[in-house]
Amino acid sequence: MTIEQDIEALKARIDKVQTDCDAWRVAGPEEKYLEAYFLVEALTLQLDKFMNHLAAERPLP
């Protein structure tokens, strides 16, 4: 899997978990909401790491 594919897969996972997080916030126990919230945060940090790695590999002209 290329880094671009990893980034796209991670973006899709973040979207799904964010939707879950929103649902738990409205109708679920606080524990489930917090679990989903922190997972979104962790995935976002991972995405930032991939994006920084990609930018370092391909510097701007």
Protein backbone atom coordinates (compact mmCIF):
# COMPACT_ATOMS: atom_id res chain seq x y z
CA MET A 1 0.00 0.00 0.00
CA THR A 2 1.40 3.40 -0.93
CA ILE A 3 1.38 6.36 1.42
CA GLU A 4 -1.29 7.99 -0.73
CA GLN A 5 -3.49 4.93 -0.29
CA ASP A 6 -2.79 4.95 3.44
CA ILE A 7 -3.85 8.59 3.59
CA GLU A 8 -7.09 7.94 1.71
CA ALA A 9 -7.90 4.93 3.90
CA LEU A 10 -7.20 6.96 7.01
CA LYS A 11 -9.42 9.82 5.82
CA ALA A 12 -12.26 7.34 5.23
CA ARG A 13 -11.77 5.85 8.68
CA ILE A 14 -11.76 9.31 10.29
CA ASP A 15 -15.03 10.17 8.51
CA LYS A 16 -16.68 6.98 9.79
CA VAL A 17 -15.43 7.40 13.35
CA GLN A 18 -16.46 11.07 13.34
CA THR A 19 -19.99 10.03 12.36
CA ASP A 20 -19.99 7.47 15.18
CA CYS A 21 -18.70 10.12 17.57
CA ASP A 22 -21.50 12.50 16.64
CA ALA A 23 -24.09 9.76 17.14
CA TRP A 24 -22.70 8.84 20.56
CA ARG A 25 -22.62 12.48 21.60
CA VAL A 26 -26.33 12.85 20.90
CA ALA A 27 -27.76 9.55 22.04
CA GLY A 28 -25.17 7.44 23.76
CA PRO A 29 -23.34 7.07 27.02
CA GLU A 30 -20.60 9.61 27.64
CA GLU A 31 -17.98 6.85 27.81
CA LYS A 32 -18.69 5.75 24.21
CA TYR A 33 -18.63 9.36 23.02
CA LEU A 34 -15.28 10.01 24.67
CA GLU A 35 -13.85 6.78 23.25
CA ALA A 36 -14.90 7.81 19.74
CA TYR A 37 -13.71 11.39 20.26
CA PHE A 38 -10.22 10.34 21.29
CA LEU A 39 -10.04 7.83 18.45
CA VAL A 40 -10.81 10.67 16.00
CA GLU A 41 -8.06 12.73 17.62
CA ALA A 42 -5.55 9.87 17.39
CA LEU A 43 -6.41 9.15 13.76
CA THR A 44 -6.12 12.84 12.91
CA LEU A 45 -2.63 12.93 14.44
CA GLN A 46 -1.71 9.85 12.40
CA LEU A 47 -3.03 11.55 9.26
CA ASP A 48 -0.95 14.64 10.03
CA LYS A 49 2.11 12.42 10.39
CA PHE A 50 1.47 10.81 6.99
CA MET A 51 0.89 14.20 5.37
CA ASN A 52 4.12 15.60 6.84
CA HIS A 53 6.01 12.52 5.66
CA LEU A 54 4.57 12.91 2.17
CA ALA A 55 5.45 16.61 2.10
CA ALA A 56 9.01 15.82 3.16
CA GLU A 57 9.34 13.26 0.37
CA ARG A 58 8.01 15.65 -2.25
CA PRO A 59 9.29 19.14 -1.58
CA LEU A 60 7.69 22.03 -3.41
CA PRO A 61 9.55 23.24 -6.53
